[in-house]
């Protein structure tokens, strides 16, 4: 069994990975989506949005902001905008990238307080491992593995 990856895939992925980390460290998450994401991205969350605690009590715009499965870049931008408009950010960190072939991992942490929904006013320290897949120089898949300490 071969465990090596195509060097050109690795170089493309590493370029995208480094740029994603750079933009996210600068708080330019929206720009990262605009610049680095494919027109459609497969989004895989550790938990289906409908299984999230308090999902039934969330406002409709909050429900719409939680994406899962094939998602257009426009919808990802809307979700990003909704998140930052509806959370007070206290801090965060971005660590990585950790590349492997055409995929890479970035560890992210967000210290925030939701302004709406069942968690409104409750400060959260959200940590996640983000696994990205790159094809043709664009992110085509994002997988999120996370823990939330409230």
N, C-alpha and C. Protein backbone atom coordinates (compact mmCIF):
# COMPACT_ATOMS: atom_id res chain seq x y z
N UNK A 1 0.84 -1.18 0.00
CA UNK A 1 0.00 0.00 0.00
C UNK A 1 0.89 1.25 0.00
N UNK A 2 0.64 2.16 -0.91
CA UNK A 2 1.42 3.38 -1.01
C UNK A 2 0.82 4.45 -0.10
N UNK A 3 1.68 5.10 0.66
CA UNK A 3 1.19 6.12 1.59
C UNK A 3 1.71 7.50 1.25
N UNK A 4 2.36 7.65 0.09
CA UNK A 4 2.86 8.97 -0.30
C UNK A 4 1.79 9.70 -1.09
N UNK A 5 1.95 11.01 -1.20
CA UNK A 5 0.97 11.81 -1.92
C UNK A 5 1.63 12.48 -3.11
N UNK A 6 0.83 12.93 -4.02
CA UNK A 6 1.30 13.64 -5.21
C UNK A 6 1.92 14.97 -4.77
N UNK A 7 3.19 15.22 -5.10
CA UNK A 7 3.85 16.46 -4.66
C UNK A 7 3.14 17.73 -5.12
N UNK A 8 2.56 17.73 -6.32
CA UNK A 8 1.89 18.95 -6.78
C UNK A 8 0.61 19.19 -5.97
N UNK A 9 -0.10 18.11 -5.59
CA UNK A 9 -1.27 18.27 -4.72
C UNK A 9 -0.84 18.84 -3.37
N UNK A 10 0.28 18.34 -2.86
CA UNK A 10 0.78 18.79 -1.56
C UNK A 10 1.15 20.26 -1.60
N UNK A 11 1.81 20.70 -2.66
CA UNK A 11 2.22 22.10 -2.77
C UNK A 11 1.02 23.02 -2.88
N UNK A 12 0.04 22.62 -3.69
CA UNK A 12 -1.20 23.41 -3.85
C UNK A 12 -1.93 23.52 -2.52
N UNK A 13 -2.05 22.39 -1.85
CA UNK A 13 -2.74 22.35 -0.57
C UNK A 13 -2.02 23.19 0.47
N UNK A 14 -0.70 23.09 0.51
CA UNK A 14 0.07 23.86 1.49
C UNK A 14 -0.06 25.36 1.25
N UNK A 15 -0.08 25.77 -0.01
CA UNK A 15 -0.27 27.19 -0.32
C UNK A 15 -1.62 27.68 0.20
N UNK A 16 -2.67 26.92 -0.07
CA UNK A 16 -4.02 27.26 0.40
C UNK A 16 -4.05 27.25 1.92
N UNK A 17 -3.45 26.23 2.52
CA UNK A 17 -3.46 26.08 3.98
C UNK A 17 -2.80 27.27 4.67
N UNK A 18 -1.63 27.64 4.19
CA UNK A 18 -0.92 28.77 4.80
C UNK A 18 -1.71 30.06 4.66
N UNK A 19 -2.33 30.25 3.52
CA UNK A 19 -3.12 31.47 3.30
C UNK A 19 -4.36 31.47 4.20
N UNK A 20 -5.01 30.33 4.36
CA UNK A 20 -6.19 30.24 5.23
C UNK A 20 -5.80 30.61 6.66
N UNK A 21 -4.72 30.05 7.15
CA UNK A 21 -4.27 30.34 8.51
C UNK A 21 -3.94 31.82 8.64
N UNK A 22 -3.22 32.36 7.67
CA UNK A 22 -2.86 33.78 7.70
C UNK A 22 -4.10 34.67 7.79
N UNK A 23 -5.08 34.42 6.94
CA UNK A 23 -6.29 35.25 6.94
C UNK A 23 -7.09 35.09 8.22
N UNK A 24 -7.23 33.85 8.70
CA UNK A 24 -8.00 33.63 9.93
C UNK A 24 -7.30 34.25 11.14
N UNK A 25 -5.98 34.20 11.18
CA UNK A 25 -5.26 34.84 12.28
C UNK A 25 -5.46 36.35 12.27
N UNK A 26 -5.72 36.92 11.12
CA UNK A 26 -5.97 38.36 10.99
C UNK A 26 -7.44 38.70 11.18
N UNK A 27 -8.29 37.69 11.44
CA UNK A 27 -9.72 37.92 11.59
C UNK A 27 -10.42 38.13 10.26
N UNK A 28 -9.79 37.71 9.17
CA UNK A 28 -10.33 37.89 7.81
C UNK A 28 -10.99 36.60 7.31
N UNK A 29 -11.87 36.03 8.13
CA UNK A 29 -12.52 34.77 7.78
C UNK A 29 -13.33 34.88 6.49
N UNK A 30 -14.04 35.99 6.34
CA UNK A 30 -14.86 36.19 5.14
C UNK A 30 -13.98 36.21 3.89
N UNK A 31 -12.87 36.93 3.97
CA UNK A 31 -11.95 37.00 2.84
C UNK A 31 -11.39 35.62 2.51
N UNK A 32 -11.15 34.81 3.53
CA UNK A 32 -10.65 33.45 3.32
C UNK A 32 -11.65 32.64 2.49
N UNK A 33 -12.93 32.77 2.81
CA UNK A 33 -13.96 32.05 2.05
C UNK A 33 -14.00 32.57 0.61
N UNK A 34 -14.03 33.88 0.46
CA UNK A 34 -14.08 34.48 -0.88
C UNK A 34 -12.91 34.03 -1.75
N UNK A 35 -11.73 34.00 -1.17
CA UNK A 35 -10.50 33.76 -1.93
C UNK A 35 -10.16 32.28 -2.11
N UNK A 36 -10.43 31.46 -1.11
CA UNK A 36 -9.88 30.11 -1.09
C UNK A 36 -10.88 28.98 -1.29
N UNK A 37 -12.17 29.26 -1.19
CA UNK A 37 -13.17 28.20 -1.28
C UNK A 37 -13.67 28.03 -2.72
N UNK A 38 -13.99 26.78 -3.07
CA UNK A 38 -14.62 26.47 -4.35
C UNK A 38 -16.05 27.02 -4.33
N UNK A 39 -16.70 27.01 -5.47
CA UNK A 39 -18.07 27.52 -5.56
C UNK A 39 -19.05 26.69 -4.72
N UNK A 40 -18.76 25.41 -4.56
CA UNK A 40 -19.54 24.53 -3.69
C UNK A 40 -18.57 23.75 -2.82
N UNK A 41 -18.86 23.71 -1.53
CA UNK A 41 -18.00 23.01 -0.56
C UNK A 41 -18.86 22.02 0.22
N UNK A 42 -18.34 20.82 0.39
CA UNK A 42 -19.03 19.84 1.22
C UNK A 42 -18.64 20.10 2.68
N UNK A 43 -19.62 20.48 3.48
CA UNK A 43 -19.40 20.81 4.89
C UNK A 43 -19.85 19.63 5.74
N UNK A 44 -18.95 19.14 6.57
CA UNK A 44 -19.27 18.02 7.44
C UNK A 44 -19.00 18.46 8.88
N UNK A 45 -20.04 18.47 9.67
CA UNK A 45 -19.95 18.85 11.09
C UNK A 45 -19.94 17.60 11.94
N UNK A 46 -19.32 17.68 13.10
CA UNK A 46 -19.30 16.55 14.03
C UNK A 46 -20.72 16.18 14.46
N UNK A 47 -21.59 17.18 14.46
CA UNK A 47 -22.98 16.97 14.87
C UNK A 47 -23.88 17.64 13.85
N UNK A 48 -24.90 16.96 13.41
CA UNK A 48 -25.87 17.57 12.51
C UNK A 48 -26.48 18.79 13.19
N UNK A 49 -26.66 19.89 12.47
CA UNK A 49 -27.23 21.08 13.10
C UNK A 49 -28.54 20.81 13.84
N UNK A 50 -29.37 19.93 13.30
CA UNK A 50 -30.66 19.65 13.95
C UNK A 50 -30.50 18.91 15.26
N UNK A 51 -29.33 18.31 15.49
CA UNK A 51 -29.05 17.60 16.75
C UNK A 51 -28.38 18.48 17.78
N UNK A 52 -28.09 19.73 17.42
CA UNK A 52 -27.43 20.64 18.36
C UNK A 52 -28.37 20.97 19.52
N UNK A 53 -27.83 21.06 20.74
CA UNK A 53 -28.67 21.43 21.88
C UNK A 53 -29.34 22.78 21.63
N UNK A 54 -30.63 22.84 21.83
CA UNK A 54 -31.38 24.08 21.68
C UNK A 54 -31.74 24.45 20.25
N UNK A 55 -31.48 23.56 19.29
CA UNK A 55 -31.74 23.88 17.88
C UNK A 55 -33.20 24.29 17.66
N UNK A 56 -34.11 23.58 18.26
CA UNK A 56 -35.54 23.86 18.06
C UNK A 56 -35.92 25.27 18.52
N UNK A 57 -35.18 25.81 19.49
CA UNK A 57 -35.48 27.14 20.02
C UNK A 57 -34.71 28.26 19.33
N UNK A 58 -33.88 27.91 18.37
CA UNK A 58 -33.08 28.93 17.68
C UNK A 58 -33.95 29.75 16.74
N UNK A 59 -33.63 31.04 16.57
CA UNK A 59 -34.32 31.84 15.56
C UNK A 59 -34.06 31.24 14.18
N UNK A 60 -34.97 31.49 13.24
CA UNK A 60 -34.85 30.91 11.90
C UNK A 60 -33.54 31.31 11.21
N UNK A 61 -33.08 32.55 11.41
CA UNK A 61 -31.83 32.94 10.75
C UNK A 61 -30.64 32.17 11.34
N UNK A 62 -30.72 31.80 12.60
CA UNK A 62 -29.66 30.99 13.20
C UNK A 62 -29.68 29.58 12.62
N UNK A 63 -30.86 29.02 12.46
CA UNK A 63 -30.97 27.69 11.86
C UNK A 63 -30.42 27.71 10.43
N UNK A 64 -30.74 28.74 9.68
CA UNK A 64 -30.29 28.85 8.29
C UNK A 64 -28.78 29.01 8.20
N UNK A 65 -28.16 29.56 9.24
CA UNK A 65 -26.72 29.80 9.23
C UNK A 65 -25.91 28.52 9.45
N UNK A 66 -26.52 27.50 9.98
CA UNK A 66 -25.81 26.24 10.26
C UNK A 66 -25.90 25.33 9.05
N UNK A 67 -24.79 25.19 8.34
CA UNK A 67 -24.76 24.44 7.08
C UNK A 67 -24.20 23.04 7.30
N UNK A 68 -24.64 22.13 6.44
CA UNK A 68 -24.19 20.75 6.48
C UNK A 68 -24.39 20.17 5.09
N UNK A 69 -23.38 19.47 4.57
CA UNK A 69 -23.48 18.89 3.23
C UNK A 69 -23.02 19.88 2.17
N UNK A 70 -23.32 19.59 0.89
CA UNK A 70 -22.91 20.50 -0.19
C UNK A 70 -23.50 21.90 0.03
N UNK A 71 -22.62 22.89 0.06
CA UNK A 71 -23.03 24.27 0.40
C UNK A 71 -22.36 25.24 -0.56
N UNK A 72 -23.14 26.18 -1.08
CA UNK A 72 -22.58 27.17 -2.00
C UNK A 72 -21.70 28.17 -1.24
N UNK A 73 -20.77 28.77 -1.96
CA UNK A 73 -19.91 29.79 -1.37
C UNK A 73 -20.75 30.94 -0.83
N UNK A 74 -21.81 31.31 -1.56
CA UNK A 74 -22.69 32.40 -1.11
C UNK A 74 -23.32 32.06 0.24
N UNK A 75 -23.76 30.81 0.41
CA UNK A 75 -24.35 30.39 1.69
C UNK A 75 -23.30 30.36 2.80
N UNK A 76 -22.07 29.96 2.47
CA UNK A 76 -21.01 29.97 3.47
C UNK A 76 -20.70 31.40 3.92
N UNK A 77 -20.71 32.34 2.98
CA UNK A 77 -20.47 33.74 3.33
C UNK A 77 -21.59 34.27 4.22
N UNK A 78 -22.83 33.90 3.91
CA UNK A 78 -23.97 34.31 4.76
C UNK A 78 -23.81 33.73 6.17
N UNK A 79 -23.41 32.47 6.26
CA UNK A 79 -23.22 31.84 7.57
C UNK A 79 -22.12 32.54 8.36
N UNK A 80 -21.03 32.85 7.69
CA UNK A 80 -19.92 33.56 8.33
C UNK A 80 -20.39 34.92 8.85
N UNK A 81 -21.08 35.66 8.01
CA UNK A 81 -21.58 36.98 8.41
C UNK A 81 -22.53 36.87 9.60
N UNK A 82 -23.44 35.90 9.55
CA UNK A 82 -24.39 35.71 10.64
C UNK A 82 -23.64 35.42 11.94
N UNK A 83 -22.66 34.52 11.88
CA UNK A 83 -21.92 34.15 13.08
C UNK A 83 -21.28 35.38 13.73
N UNK A 84 -20.55 36.16 12.95
CA UNK A 84 -19.82 37.28 13.54
C UNK A 84 -20.73 38.44 13.94
N UNK A 85 -21.90 38.54 13.32
CA UNK A 85 -22.88 39.56 13.73
C UNK A 85 -23.61 39.17 15.01
N UNK A 86 -23.68 37.88 15.27
CA UNK A 86 -24.50 37.37 16.38
C UNK A 86 -23.69 36.77 17.53
N UNK A 87 -22.40 37.04 17.55
CA UNK A 87 -21.52 36.59 18.63
C UNK A 87 -20.58 37.71 19.01
N UNK A 88 -20.42 37.91 20.30
CA UNK A 88 -19.40 38.84 20.79
C UNK A 88 -18.12 38.04 20.92
N UNK A 89 -17.09 38.47 20.23
CA UNK A 89 -15.82 37.76 20.23
C UNK A 89 -14.92 38.33 21.32
N UNK A 90 -14.39 37.45 22.18
CA UNK A 90 -13.49 37.86 23.25
C UNK A 90 -12.04 37.49 22.92
N UNK A 91 -11.85 36.56 22.02
CA UNK A 91 -10.50 36.13 21.66
C UNK A 91 -10.55 34.85 20.86
N UNK A 92 -9.39 34.38 20.52
CA UNK A 92 -9.31 33.14 19.75
C UNK A 92 -7.90 32.87 19.31
N UNK A 93 -7.73 31.73 18.65
CA UNK A 93 -6.42 31.34 18.17
C UNK A 93 -6.58 30.42 16.97
N UNK A 94 -5.59 30.46 16.09
CA UNK A 94 -5.54 29.58 14.92
C UNK A 94 -4.16 28.95 14.91
N UNK A 95 -4.10 27.62 14.86
CA UNK A 95 -2.83 26.91 14.90
C UNK A 95 -2.73 25.97 13.71
N UNK A 96 -1.63 26.04 13.01
CA UNK A 96 -1.42 25.17 11.87
C UNK A 96 -0.80 25.95 10.73
N UNK A 97 -0.84 25.41 9.58
CA UNK A 97 -1.51 24.17 9.16
C UNK A 97 -0.63 22.93 9.37
N UNK A 98 -1.32 21.79 9.38
CA UNK A 98 -0.68 20.49 9.44
C UNK A 98 -1.10 19.74 8.17
N UNK A 99 -0.24 19.76 7.13
CA UNK A 99 -0.62 19.22 5.82
C UNK A 99 -0.38 17.72 5.67
N UNK A 100 -1.18 17.11 4.81
CA UNK A 100 -0.99 15.73 4.39
C UNK A 100 -1.61 15.61 2.99
N UNK A 101 -0.76 15.58 1.97
CA UNK A 101 -1.26 15.48 0.60
C UNK A 101 -2.15 16.66 0.26
N UNK A 102 -3.35 16.37 -0.22
CA UNK A 102 -4.27 17.45 -0.60
C UNK A 102 -5.22 17.82 0.55
N UNK A 103 -4.87 17.43 1.76
CA UNK A 103 -5.66 17.80 2.93
C UNK A 103 -4.75 18.47 3.96
N UNK A 104 -5.38 19.20 4.87
CA UNK A 104 -4.62 19.80 5.97
C UNK A 104 -5.55 20.03 7.14
N UNK A 105 -4.94 20.11 8.32
CA UNK A 105 -5.68 20.35 9.55
C UNK A 105 -5.28 21.70 10.13
N UNK A 106 -6.26 22.41 10.65
CA UNK A 106 -6.03 23.66 11.38
C UNK A 106 -6.82 23.54 12.68
N UNK A 107 -6.18 23.90 13.79
CA UNK A 107 -6.87 23.92 15.07
C UNK A 107 -7.31 25.34 15.34
N UNK A 108 -8.58 25.51 15.67
CA UNK A 108 -9.12 26.84 15.94
C UNK A 108 -9.79 26.87 17.31
N UNK A 109 -9.70 28.03 17.93
CA UNK A 109 -10.35 28.26 19.22
C UNK A 109 -11.02 29.62 19.17
N UNK A 110 -12.27 29.67 19.62
CA UNK A 110 -13.01 30.94 19.68
C UNK A 110 -13.62 31.09 21.06
N UNK A 111 -13.30 32.19 21.70
CA UNK A 111 -13.88 32.56 22.98
C UNK A 111 -14.95 33.60 22.65
N UNK A 112 -16.22 33.20 22.78
CA UNK A 112 -17.29 34.09 22.33
C UNK A 112 -18.55 33.93 23.18
N UNK A 113 -19.42 34.92 23.04
CA UNK A 113 -20.72 34.91 23.72
C UNK A 113 -21.80 35.12 22.68
N UNK A 114 -22.71 34.14 22.49
CA UNK A 114 -23.81 34.33 21.55
C UNK A 114 -24.72 35.47 22.01
N UNK A 115 -25.24 36.21 21.05
CA UNK A 115 -26.17 37.30 21.33
C UNK A 115 -27.62 36.85 21.20
N UNK A 116 -27.86 35.73 20.51
CA UNK A 116 -29.22 35.24 20.27
C UNK A 116 -29.28 33.74 20.52
N UNK A 117 -30.49 33.21 20.60
CA UNK A 117 -30.70 31.77 20.72
C UNK A 117 -30.62 31.28 22.15
N UNK A 118 -30.72 29.98 22.34
CA UNK A 118 -30.77 29.40 23.69
C UNK A 118 -29.47 29.58 24.48
N UNK A 119 -28.37 29.86 23.82
CA UNK A 119 -27.09 30.07 24.51
C UNK A 119 -26.76 31.56 24.67
N UNK A 120 -27.72 32.43 24.34
CA UNK A 120 -27.48 33.87 24.41
C UNK A 120 -26.98 34.27 25.79
N UNK A 121 -25.91 35.06 25.80
CA UNK A 121 -25.36 35.56 27.05
C UNK A 121 -24.45 34.59 27.79
N UNK A 122 -24.29 33.37 27.26
CA UNK A 122 -23.44 32.37 27.92
C UNK A 122 -22.10 32.27 27.18
N UNK A 123 -21.06 32.70 27.83
CA UNK A 123 -19.73 32.68 27.22
C UNK A 123 -19.30 31.24 26.95
N UNK A 124 -18.72 31.03 25.77
CA UNK A 124 -18.30 29.69 25.36
C UNK A 124 -16.85 29.73 24.89
N UNK A 125 -16.14 28.67 25.18
CA UNK A 125 -14.79 28.50 24.67
C UNK A 125 -14.87 27.34 23.67
N UNK A 126 -14.98 27.69 22.39
CA UNK A 126 -15.18 26.67 21.35
C UNK A 126 -13.83 26.31 20.74
N UNK A 127 -13.55 25.01 20.69
CA UNK A 127 -12.32 24.50 20.11
C UNK A 127 -12.68 23.49 19.04
N UNK A 128 -11.97 23.55 17.91
CA UNK A 128 -12.26 22.59 16.87
C UNK A 128 -11.02 22.27 16.05
N UNK A 129 -11.01 21.04 15.56
CA UNK A 129 -10.03 20.63 14.56
C UNK A 129 -10.74 20.72 13.23
N UNK A 130 -10.19 21.49 12.32
CA UNK A 130 -10.79 21.72 11.01
C UNK A 130 -9.94 20.98 9.98
N UNK A 131 -10.57 20.08 9.25
CA UNK A 131 -9.87 19.29 8.25
C UNK A 131 -10.37 19.73 6.88
N UNK A 132 -9.45 20.20 6.06
CA UNK A 132 -9.81 20.75 4.76
C UNK A 132 -9.23 19.89 3.64
N UNK A 133 -9.99 19.79 2.55
CA UNK A 133 -9.54 19.09 1.36
C UNK A 133 -9.46 20.09 0.22
N UNK A 134 -8.36 20.04 -0.54
CA UNK A 134 -8.11 20.99 -1.62
C UNK A 134 -8.06 20.25 -2.96
N UNK A 135 -8.77 20.81 -3.94
CA UNK A 135 -8.70 20.32 -5.32
C UNK A 135 -8.61 21.53 -6.23
N UNK A 136 -7.74 21.46 -7.21
CA UNK A 136 -7.56 22.56 -8.18
C UNK A 136 -7.35 23.91 -7.49
N UNK A 137 -6.62 23.90 -6.38
CA UNK A 137 -6.27 25.14 -5.71
C UNK A 137 -7.38 25.77 -4.88
N UNK A 138 -8.48 25.04 -4.64
CA UNK A 138 -9.60 25.57 -3.85
C UNK A 138 -10.04 24.55 -2.80
N UNK A 139 -10.53 25.05 -1.70
CA UNK A 139 -11.08 24.17 -0.66
C UNK A 139 -12.42 23.63 -1.15
N UNK A 140 -12.55 22.30 -1.18
CA UNK A 140 -13.77 21.65 -1.67
C UNK A 140 -14.51 20.92 -0.55
N UNK A 141 -13.83 20.73 0.58
CA UNK A 141 -14.49 20.05 1.70
C UNK A 141 -13.91 20.59 3.00
N UNK A 142 -14.79 20.76 3.97
CA UNK A 142 -14.37 21.17 5.31
C UNK A 142 -15.08 20.28 6.32
N UNK A 143 -14.28 19.67 7.20
CA UNK A 143 -14.83 18.80 8.25
C UNK A 143 -14.46 19.41 9.59
N UNK A 144 -15.41 19.46 10.48
CA UNK A 144 -15.21 20.10 11.76
C UNK A 144 -15.46 19.13 12.90
N UNK A 145 -14.41 18.92 13.70
CA UNK A 145 -14.49 18.08 14.90
C UNK A 145 -14.30 19.02 16.07
N UNK A 146 -15.24 19.05 17.01
CA UNK A 146 -15.15 20.08 18.03
C UNK A 146 -15.67 19.63 19.39
N UNK A 147 -15.25 20.40 20.37
CA UNK A 147 -15.75 20.29 21.73
C UNK A 147 -16.16 21.70 22.15
N UNK A 148 -17.20 21.81 22.90
CA UNK A 148 -17.63 23.12 23.40
C UNK A 148 -17.66 23.06 24.91
N UNK A 149 -16.86 23.92 25.53
CA UNK A 149 -16.82 24.01 26.99
C UNK A 149 -17.55 25.28 27.38
N UNK A 150 -18.70 25.13 28.00
CA UNK A 150 -19.50 26.31 28.37
C UNK A 150 -19.44 26.53 29.87
